[in-house]
PDB file of N, CA and C in Angstrom:
ATOM      1  N   UNK A   1     142.110 102.038  76.765  1.00  0.00           N
ATOM      2  CA  UNK A   1     143.177 101.213  77.306  1.00  0.00           C
ATOM      3  C   UNK A   1     142.664  99.783  77.438  1.00  0.00           C
ATOM      4  N   UNK A   2     143.445  98.852  77.004  1.00  0.00           N
ATOM      5  CA  UNK A   2     143.025  97.462  77.081  1.00  0.00           C
ATOM      6  C   UNK A   2     143.252  96.922  78.491  1.00  0.00           C
ATOM      7  N   UNK A   3     142.422  95.979  78.865  1.00  0.00           N
ATOM      8  CA  UNK A   3     142.557  95.351  80.171  1.00  0.00           C
ATOM      9  C   UNK A   3     143.740  94.399  80.121  1.00  0.00           C
ATOM     10  N   UNK A   4     144.480  94.324  81.220  1.00  0.00           N
ATOM     11  CA  UNK A   4     145.586  93.384  81.261  1.00  0.00           C
ATOM     12  C   UNK A   4     145.631  92.725  82.616  1.00  0.00           C
ATOM     13  N   UNK A   5     146.145  91.526  82.653  1.00  0.00           N
ATOM     14  CA  UNK A   5     146.261  90.787  83.901  1.00  0.00           C
ATOM     15  C   UNK A   5     147.583  91.160  84.551  1.00  0.00           C
ATOM     16  N   UNK A   6     147.512  91.493  85.828  1.00  0.00           N
ATOM     17  CA  UNK A   6     148.697  91.839  86.592  1.00  0.00           C
ATOM     18  C   UNK A   6     148.875  90.766  87.656  1.00  0.00           C
ATOM     19  N   UNK A   7     149.995  90.071  87.605  1.00  0.00           N
ATOM     20  CA  UNK A   7     150.274  88.994  88.552  1.00  0.00           C
ATOM     21  C   UNK A   7     151.381  89.442  89.493  1.00  0.00           C
ATOM     22  N   UNK A   8     151.183  89.203  90.789  1.00  0.00           N
ATOM     23  CA  UNK A   8     152.139  89.623  91.806  1.00  0.00           C
ATOM     24  C   UNK A   8     152.311  88.526  92.846  1.00  0.00           C
ATOM     25  N   UNK A   9     153.449  88.557  93.505  1.00  0.00           N
ATOM     26  CA  UNK A   9     153.646  87.768  94.710  1.00  0.00           C
ATOM     27  C   UNK A   9     153.779  88.770  95.840  1.00  0.00           C
ATOM     28  N   UNK A  10     152.886  88.673  96.800  1.00  0.00           N
ATOM     29  CA  UNK A  10     152.829  89.619  97.908  1.00  0.00           C
ATOM     30  C   UNK A  10     152.935  88.829  99.207  1.00  0.00           C
ATOM     31  N   UNK A  11     153.984  89.078  99.956  1.00  0.00           N
ATOM     32  CA  UNK A  11     154.206  88.365 101.230  1.00  0.00           C
ATOM     33  C   UNK A  11     154.094  86.856 101.035  1.00  0.00           C
ATOM     34  N   UNK A  12     154.649  86.365  99.933  1.00  0.00           N
ATOM     35  CA  UNK A  12     154.657  84.929  99.657  1.00  0.00           C
ATOM     36  C   UNK A  12     153.386  84.370  99.053  1.00  0.00           C
ATOM     37  N   UNK A  13     152.388  85.228  98.813  1.00  0.00           N
ATOM     38  CA  UNK A  13     151.119  84.765  98.231  1.00  0.00           C
ATOM     39  C   UNK A  13     150.994  85.279  96.803  1.00  0.00           C
ATOM     40  N   UNK A  14     150.608  84.406  95.890  1.00  0.00           N
ATOM     41  CA  UNK A  14     150.380  84.806  94.504  1.00  0.00           C
ATOM     42  C   UNK A  14     148.981  85.386  94.373  1.00  0.00           C
ATOM     43  N   UNK A  15     148.916  86.592  93.804  1.00  0.00           N
ATOM     44  CA  UNK A  15     147.645  87.285  93.610  1.00  0.00           C
ATOM     45  C   UNK A  15     147.641  87.873  92.210  1.00  0.00           C
ATOM     46  N   UNK A  16     146.499  87.785  91.524  1.00  0.00           N
ATOM     47  CA  UNK A  16     146.365  88.325  90.173  1.00  0.00           C
ATOM     48  C   UNK A  16     145.197  89.298  90.126  1.00  0.00           C
ATOM     49  N   UNK A  17     145.385  90.329  89.318  1.00  0.00           N
ATOM     50  CA  UNK A  17     144.360  91.353  89.167  1.00  0.00           C
ATOM     51  C   UNK A  17     144.090  91.593  87.691  1.00  0.00           C
ATOM     52  N   UNK A  18     142.854  91.922  87.373  1.00  0.00           N
ATOM     53  CA  UNK A  18     142.482  92.308  86.014  1.00  0.00           C
ATOM     54  C   UNK A  18     141.780  93.667  86.078  1.00  0.00           C
ATOM     55  N   UNK A  19     142.568  94.733  86.240  1.00  0.00           N
ATOM     56  CA  UNK A  19     141.958  96.062  86.309  1.00  0.00           C
ATOM     57  C   UNK A  19     141.319  96.449  84.984  1.00  0.00           C
ATOM     58  N   UNK A  20     140.335  97.327  85.067  1.00  0.00           N
ATOM     59  CA  UNK A  20     139.677  97.829  83.864  1.00  0.00           C
ATOM     60  C   UNK A  20     139.300  99.283  84.108  1.00  0.00           C
ATOM     61  N   UNK A  21     138.961  99.975  83.048  1.00  0.00           N
ATOM     62  CA  UNK A  21     138.691 101.407  83.135  1.00  0.00           C
ATOM     63  C   UNK A  21     137.510 101.699  84.056  1.00  0.00           C
ATOM     64  N   UNK A  22     136.468 100.895  84.001  1.00  0.00           N
ATOM     65  CA  UNK A  22     135.298 101.123  84.841  1.00  0.00           C
ATOM     66  C   UNK A  22     135.661 101.029  86.320  1.00  0.00           C
ATOM     67  N   UNK A  23     136.363  99.989  86.708  1.00  0.00           N
ATOM     68  CA  UNK A  23     136.760  99.817  88.109  1.00  0.00           C
ATOM     69  C   UNK A  23     137.729 100.914  88.539  1.00  0.00           C
ATOM     70  N   UNK A  24     138.643 101.284  87.655  1.00  0.00           N
ATOM     71  CA  UNK A  24     139.604 102.350  87.958  1.00  0.00           C
ATOM     72  C   UNK A  24     138.880 103.674  88.193  1.00  0.00           C
ATOM     73  N   UNK A  25     137.979 104.026  87.297  1.00  0.00           N
ATOM     74  CA  UNK A  25     137.245 105.285  87.447  1.00  0.00           C
ATOM     75  C   UNK A  25     136.409 105.302  88.718  1.00  0.00           C
ATOM     76  N   UNK A  26     135.795 104.188  89.043  1.00  0.00           N
ATOM     77  CA  UNK A  26     135.001 104.101  90.273  1.00  0.00           C
ATOM     78  C   UNK A  26     135.907 104.296  91.487  1.00  0.00           C
ATOM     79  N   UNK A  27     137.085 103.700  91.464  1.00  0.00           N
ATOM     80  CA  UNK A  27     138.059 103.865  92.553  1.00  0.00           C
ATOM     81  C   UNK A  27     138.433 105.339  92.728  1.00  0.00           C
ATOM     82  N   UNK A  28     138.778 105.994  91.653  1.00  0.00           N
ATOM     83  CA  UNK A  28     139.171 107.407  91.717  1.00  0.00           C
ATOM     84  C   UNK A  28     138.016 108.260  92.238  1.00  0.00           C
ATOM     85  N   UNK A  29     136.815 107.985  91.783  1.00  0.00           N
ATOM     86  CA  UNK A  29     135.649 108.759  92.215  1.00  0.00           C
ATOM     87  C   UNK A  29     135.291 108.542  93.683  1.00  0.00           C
ATOM     88  N   UNK A  30     135.662 107.400  94.257  1.00  0.00           N
ATOM     89  CA  UNK A  30     135.349 107.107  95.653  1.00  0.00           C
ATOM     90  C   UNK A  30     136.332 107.724  96.639  1.00  0.00           C
ATOM     91  N   UNK A  31     137.528 108.073  96.179  1.00  0.00           N
ATOM     92  CA  UNK A  31     138.549 108.621  97.073  1.00  0.00           C
ATOM     93  C   UNK A  31     138.139 110.015  97.540  1.00  0.00           C
ATOM     94  N   UNK A  32     138.244 110.228  98.853  1.00  0.00           N
ATOM     95  CA  UNK A  32     138.010 111.550  99.430  1.00  0.00           C
ATOM     96  C   UNK A  32     139.167 111.856 100.371  1.00  0.00           C
ATOM     97  N   UNK A  33     139.223 113.097 100.856  1.00  0.00           N
ATOM     98  CA  UNK A  33     140.300 113.482 101.776  1.00  0.00           C
ATOM     99  C   UNK A  33     140.322 112.591 103.023  1.00  0.00           C
ATOM    100  N   UNK A  34     139.170 112.185 103.494  1.00  0.00           N
ATOM    101  CA  UNK A  34     139.111 111.382 104.707  1.00  0.00           C
ATOM    102  C   UNK A  34     138.892 109.900 104.476  1.00  0.00           C
ATOM    103  N   UNK A  35     138.890 109.462 103.225  1.00  0.00           N
ATOM    104  CA  UNK A  35     138.603 108.060 102.943  1.00  0.00           C
ATOM    105  C   UNK A  35     139.443 107.570 101.772  1.00  0.00           C
ATOM    106  N   UNK A  36     140.550 106.935 102.089  1.00  0.00           N
ATOM    107  CA  UNK A  36     141.424 106.387 101.054  1.00  0.00           C
ATOM    108  C   UNK A  36     141.540 104.868 101.149  1.00  0.00           C
ATOM    109  N   UNK A  37     141.415 104.344 102.348  1.00  0.00           N
ATOM    110  CA  UNK A  37     141.609 102.907 102.554  1.00  0.00           C
ATOM    111  C   UNK A  37     140.441 102.100 101.988  1.00  0.00           C
ATOM    112  N   UNK A  38     139.228 102.489 102.305  1.00  0.00           N
ATOM    113  CA  UNK A  38     138.063 101.738 101.812  1.00  0.00           C
ATOM    114  C   UNK A  38     137.994 101.692 100.288  1.00  0.00           C
ATOM    115  N   UNK A  39     138.200 102.825  99.586  1.00  0.00           N
ATOM    116  CA  UNK A  39     138.200 102.742  98.122  1.00  0.00           C
ATOM    117  C   UNK A  39     139.294 101.823  97.580  1.00  0.00           C
ATOM    118  N   UNK A  40     140.480 101.840  98.197  1.00  0.00           N
ATOM    119  CA  UNK A  40     141.567 100.961  97.753  1.00  0.00           C
ATOM    120  C   UNK A  40     141.176  99.501  97.960  1.00  0.00           C
ATOM    121  N   UNK A  41     140.649  99.185  99.129  1.00  0.00           N
ATOM    122  CA  UNK A  41     140.204  97.825  99.441  1.00  0.00           C
ATOM    123  C   UNK A  41     139.145  97.369  98.442  1.00  0.00           C
ATOM    124  N   UNK A  42     138.128  98.210  98.223  1.00  0.00           N
ATOM    125  CA  UNK A  42     137.039  97.852  97.312  1.00  0.00           C
ATOM    126  C   UNK A  42     137.532  97.661  95.885  1.00  0.00           C
ATOM    127  N   UNK A  43     138.426  98.516  95.425  1.00  0.00           N
ATOM    128  CA  UNK A  43     138.989  98.407  94.074  1.00  0.00           C
ATOM    129  C   UNK A  43     139.712  97.061  93.912  1.00  0.00           C
ATOM    130  N   UNK A  44     140.532  96.711  94.881  1.00  0.00           N
ATOM    131  CA  UNK A  44     141.273  95.455  94.791  1.00  0.00           C
ATOM    132  C   UNK A  44     140.342  94.253  94.782  1.00  0.00           C
ATOM    133  N   UNK A  45     139.310  94.291  95.603  1.00  0.00           N
ATOM    134  CA  UNK A  45     138.345  93.177  95.640  1.00  0.00           C
ATOM    135  C   UNK A  45     137.592  93.077  94.314  1.00  0.00           C
ATOM    136  N   UNK A  46     137.318  94.220  93.691  1.00  0.00           N
ATOM    137  CA  UNK A  46     136.613  94.210  92.395  1.00  0.00           C
ATOM    138  C   UNK A  46     137.458  93.606  91.272  1.00  0.00           C
ATOM    139  N   UNK A  47     138.781  93.796  91.338  1.00  0.00           N
ATOM    140  CA  UNK A  47     139.611  93.401  90.198  1.00  0.00           C
ATOM    141  C   UNK A  47     140.439  92.143  90.421  1.00  0.00           C
ATOM    142  N   UNK A  48     140.395  91.570  91.621  1.00  0.00           N
ATOM    143  CA  UNK A  48     141.163  90.349  91.872  1.00  0.00           C
ATOM    144  C   UNK A  48     140.553  89.197  91.080  1.00  0.00           C
ATOM    145  N   UNK A  49     141.399  88.304  90.617  1.00  0.00           N
ATOM    146  CA  UNK A  49     140.881  87.128  89.909  1.00  0.00           C
ATOM    147  C   UNK A  49     140.254  86.178  90.939  1.00  0.00           C
ATOM    148  N   UNK A  50     139.191  85.495  90.539  1.00  0.00           N
ATOM    149  CA  UNK A  50     138.484  84.621  91.494  1.00  0.00           C
ATOM    150  C   UNK A  50     139.385  83.585  92.161  1.00  0.00           C
ATOM    151  N   UNK A  51     140.355  83.058  91.428  1.00  0.00           N
ATOM    152  CA  UNK A  51     141.209  82.014  91.992  1.00  0.00           C
ATOM    153  C   UNK A  51     142.219  82.532  93.009  1.00  0.00           C
ATOM    154  N   UNK A  52     142.406  83.854  93.113  1.00  0.00           N
ATOM    155  CA  UNK A  52     143.350  84.394  94.098  1.00  0.00           C
ATOM    156  C   UNK A  52     142.655  85.299  95.125  1.00  0.00           C
ATOM    157  N   UNK A  53     141.340  85.288  95.122  1.00  0.00           N
ATOM    158  CA  UNK A  53     140.586  86.168  96.025  1.00  0.00           C
ATOM    159  C   UNK A  53     140.850  85.839  97.496  1.00  0.00           C
ATOM    160  N   UNK A  54     140.933  84.577  97.825  1.00  0.00           N
ATOM    161  CA  UNK A  54     141.165  84.185  99.213  1.00  0.00           C
ATOM    162  C   UNK A  54     142.522  84.707  99.712  1.00  0.00           C
ATOM    163  N   UNK A  55     143.540  84.591  98.879  1.00  0.00           N
ATOM    164  CA  UNK A  55     144.870  85.102  99.253  1.00  0.00           C
ATOM    165  C   UNK A  55     144.823  86.610  99.463  1.00  0.00           C
ATOM    166  N   UNK A  56     144.106  87.314  98.591  1.00  0.00           N
ATOM    167  CA  UNK A  56     143.991  88.765  98.747  1.00  0.00           C
ATOM    168  C   UNK A  56     143.290  89.112 100.058  1.00  0.00           C
ATOM    169  N   UNK A  57     142.225  88.410 100.390  1.00  0.00           N
ATOM    170  CA  UNK A  57     141.499  88.689 101.637  1.00  0.00           C
ATOM    171  C   UNK A  57     142.421  88.550 102.848  1.00  0.00           C
ATOM    172  N   UNK A  58     143.290  87.552 102.833  1.00  0.00           N
ATOM    173  CA  UNK A  58     144.248  87.370 103.930  1.00  0.00           C
ATOM    174  C   UNK A  58     145.205  88.555 104.000  1.00  0.00           C
ATOM    175  N   UNK A  59     145.661  89.014 102.848  1.00  0.00           N
ATOM    176  CA  UNK A  59     146.586  90.146 102.811  1.00  0.00           C
ATOM    177  C   UNK A  59     145.924  91.443 103.254  1.00  0.00           C
ATOM    178  N   UNK A  60     144.666  91.635 102.866  1.00  0.00           N
ATOM    179  CA  UNK A  60     143.967  92.870 103.210  1.00  0.00           C
ATOM    180  C   UNK A  60     143.693  92.993 104.706  1.00  0.00           C
ATOM    181  N   UNK A  61     143.849  91.911 105.450  1.00  0.00           N
ATOM    182  CA  UNK A  61     143.694  91.969 106.902  1.00  0.00           C
ATOM    183  C   UNK A  61     144.906  92.622 107.570  1.00  0.00           C
ATOM    184  N   UNK A  62     145.998  92.757 106.831  1.00  0.00           N
ATOM    185  CA  UNK A  62     147.218  93.366 107.382  1.00  0.00           C
ATOM    186  C   UNK A  62     147.122  94.886 107.311  1.00  0.00           C
ATOM    187  N   UNK A  63     147.568  95.592 108.349  1.00  0.00           N
ATOM    188  CA  UNK A  63     147.503  97.058 108.336  1.00  0.00           C
ATOM    189  C   UNK A  63     148.306  97.654 107.179  1.00  0.00           C
ATOM    190  N   UNK A  64     147.693  98.547 106.454  1.00  0.00           N
ATOM    191  CA  UNK A  64     148.359  99.250 105.362  1.00  0.00           C
ATOM    192  C   UNK A  64     148.485  98.482 104.063  1.00  0.00           C
ATOM    193  N   UNK A  65     148.056  97.231 104.049  1.00  0.00           N
ATOM    194  CA  UNK A  65     148.245  96.396 102.859  1.00  0.00           C
ATOM    195  C   UNK A  65     147.482  96.933 101.651  1.00  0.00           C
ATOM    196  N   UNK A  66     146.241  97.362 101.864  1.00  0.00           N
ATOM    197  CA  UNK A  66     145.420  97.815 100.729  1.00  0.00           C
ATOM    198  C   UNK A  66     146.097  98.956  99.978  1.00  0.00           C
ATOM    199  N   UNK A  67     146.631  99.923 100.698  1.00  0.00           N
ATOM    200  CA  UNK A  67     147.262 101.063 100.034  1.00  0.00           C
ATOM    201  C   UNK A  67     148.565 100.675  99.342  1.00  0.00           C
ATOM    202  N   UNK A  68     149.333  99.781  99.952  1.00  0.00           N
ATOM    203  CA  UNK A  68     150.572  99.339  99.315  1.00  0.00           C
ATOM    204  C   UNK A  68     150.284  98.548  98.032  1.00  0.00           C
ATOM    205  N   UNK A  69     149.310  97.661  98.117  1.00  0.00           N
ATOM    206  CA  UNK A  69     148.984  96.828  96.957  1.00  0.00           C
ATOM    207  C   UNK A  69     148.387  97.668  95.838  1.00  0.00           C
ATOM    208  N   UNK A  70     147.446  98.558  96.169  1.00  0.00           N
ATOM    209  CA  UNK A  70     146.823  99.371  95.129  1.00  0.00           C
ATOM    210  C   UNK A  70     147.872 100.256  94.454  1.00  0.00           C
ATOM    211  N   UNK A  71     148.859 100.719  95.199  1.00  0.00           N
ATOM    212  CA  UNK A  71     149.928 101.514  94.608  1.00  0.00           C
ATOM    213  C   UNK A  71     150.678 100.746  93.530  1.00  0.00           C
ATOM    214  N   UNK A  72     151.000  99.495  93.808  1.00  0.00           N
ATOM    215  CA  UNK A  72     151.715  98.663  92.828  1.00  0.00           C
ATOM    216  C   UNK A  72     150.837  98.331  91.624  1.00  0.00           C
ATOM    217  N   UNK A  73     149.564  98.037  91.880  1.00  0.00           N
ATOM    218  CA  UNK A  73     148.648  97.740  90.774  1.00  0.00           C
ATOM    219  C   UNK A  73     148.543  98.948  89.847  1.00  0.00           C
ATOM    220  N   UNK A  74     148.390 100.131  90.434  1.00  0.00           N
ATOM    221  CA  UNK A  74     148.252 101.334  89.608  1.00  0.00           C
ATOM    222  C   UNK A  74     149.533 101.668  88.860  1.00  0.00           C
ATOM    223  N   UNK A  75     150.694 101.375  89.449  1.00  0.00           N
ATOM    224  CA  UNK A  75     151.969 101.565  88.738  1.00  0.00           C
ATOM    225  C   UNK A  75     151.992 100.760  87.443  1.00  0.00           C
ATOM    226  N   UNK A  76     151.470  99.548  87.518  1.00  0.00           N
ATOM    227  CA  UNK A  76     151.460  98.665  86.353  1.00  0.00           C
ATOM    228  C   UNK A  76     150.339  98.999  85.374  1.00  0.00           C
ATOM    229  N   UNK A  77     149.219  99.458  85.882  1.00  0.00           N
ATOM    230  CA  UNK A  77     148.039  99.650  85.046  1.00  0.00           C
ATOM    231  C   UNK A  77     147.991 100.997  84.329  1.00  0.00           C
ATOM    232  N   UNK A  78     148.327 102.050  85.024  1.00  0.00           N
ATOM    233  CA  UNK A  78     148.173 103.381  84.425  1.00  0.00           C
ATOM    234  C   UNK A  78     149.390 103.737  83.587  1.00  0.00           C
ATOM    235  N   UNK A  79     149.163 104.311  82.412  1.00  0.00           N
ATOM    236  CA  UNK A  79     150.280 104.642  81.530  1.00  0.00           C
ATOM    237  C   UNK A  79     151.031 105.877  82.024  1.00  0.00           C
ATOM    238  N   UNK A  80     152.290 105.938  81.694  1.00  0.00           N
ATOM    239  CA  UNK A  80     153.103 107.117  81.956  1.00  0.00           C
ATOM    240  C   UNK A  80     153.032 107.981  80.709  1.00  0.00           C
ATOM    241  N   UNK A  81     152.309 109.081  80.805  1.00  0.00           N
ATOM    242  CA  UNK A  81     152.102 109.951  79.656  1.00  0.00           C
ATOM    243  C   UNK A  81     153.126 111.078  79.642  1.00  0.00           C
ATOM    244  N   UNK A  82     153.598 111.389  78.468  1.00  0.00           N
ATOM    245  CA  UNK A  82     154.453 112.560  78.312  1.00  0.00           C
ATOM    246  C   UNK A  82     153.527 113.718  77.956  1.00  0.00           C
ATOM    247  N   UNK A  83     153.519 114.735  78.796  1.00  0.00           N
ATOM    248  CA  UNK A  83     152.628 115.871  78.593  1.00  0.00           C
ATOM    249  C   UNK A  83     153.470 117.144  78.503  1.00  0.00           C
ATOM    250  N   UNK A  84     153.254 117.893  77.442  1.00  0.00           N
ATOM    251  CA  UNK A  84     153.955 119.152  77.232  1.00  0.00           C
ATOM    252  C   UNK A  84     152.940 120.273  77.156  1.00  0.00           C
ATOM    253  N   UNK A  85     153.172 121.316  77.940  1.00  0.00           N
ATOM    254  CA  UNK A  85     152.295 122.475  77.912  1.00  0.00           C
ATOM    255  C   UNK A  85     152.829 123.451  76.872  1.00  0.00           C
ATOM    256  N   UNK A  86     151.955 123.875  75.960  1.00  0.00           N
ATOM    257  CA  UNK A  86     152.344 124.838  74.937  1.00  0.00           C
ATOM    258  C   UNK A  86     151.798 126.209  75.323  1.00  0.00           C
ATOM    259  N   UNK A  87     152.623 127.200  75.152  1.00  0.00           N
ATOM    260  CA  UNK A  87     152.190 128.575  75.451  1.00  0.00           C
ATOM    261  C   UNK A  87     151.939 129.334  74.169  1.00  0.00           C
TER     262      UNK A  87
END
């Protein structure tokens, strides 16, 4: 999968992300039953563009922001695959 830039306006702040397979896989591997917020926060910090990092840091101080933002980033980044099970 090719890397793509994802640009968003979140609570009036422009933030851009450049997700990649390595960062995505690391995010998935860090998630545990008792730890979802820290991996989301770390993933976003890893993929934010340098020019919008300050805006992201302000947003991540808000409760629940990391999970909401990572959800939108993943919606844009991960493909919707059609999967058919053959018997």
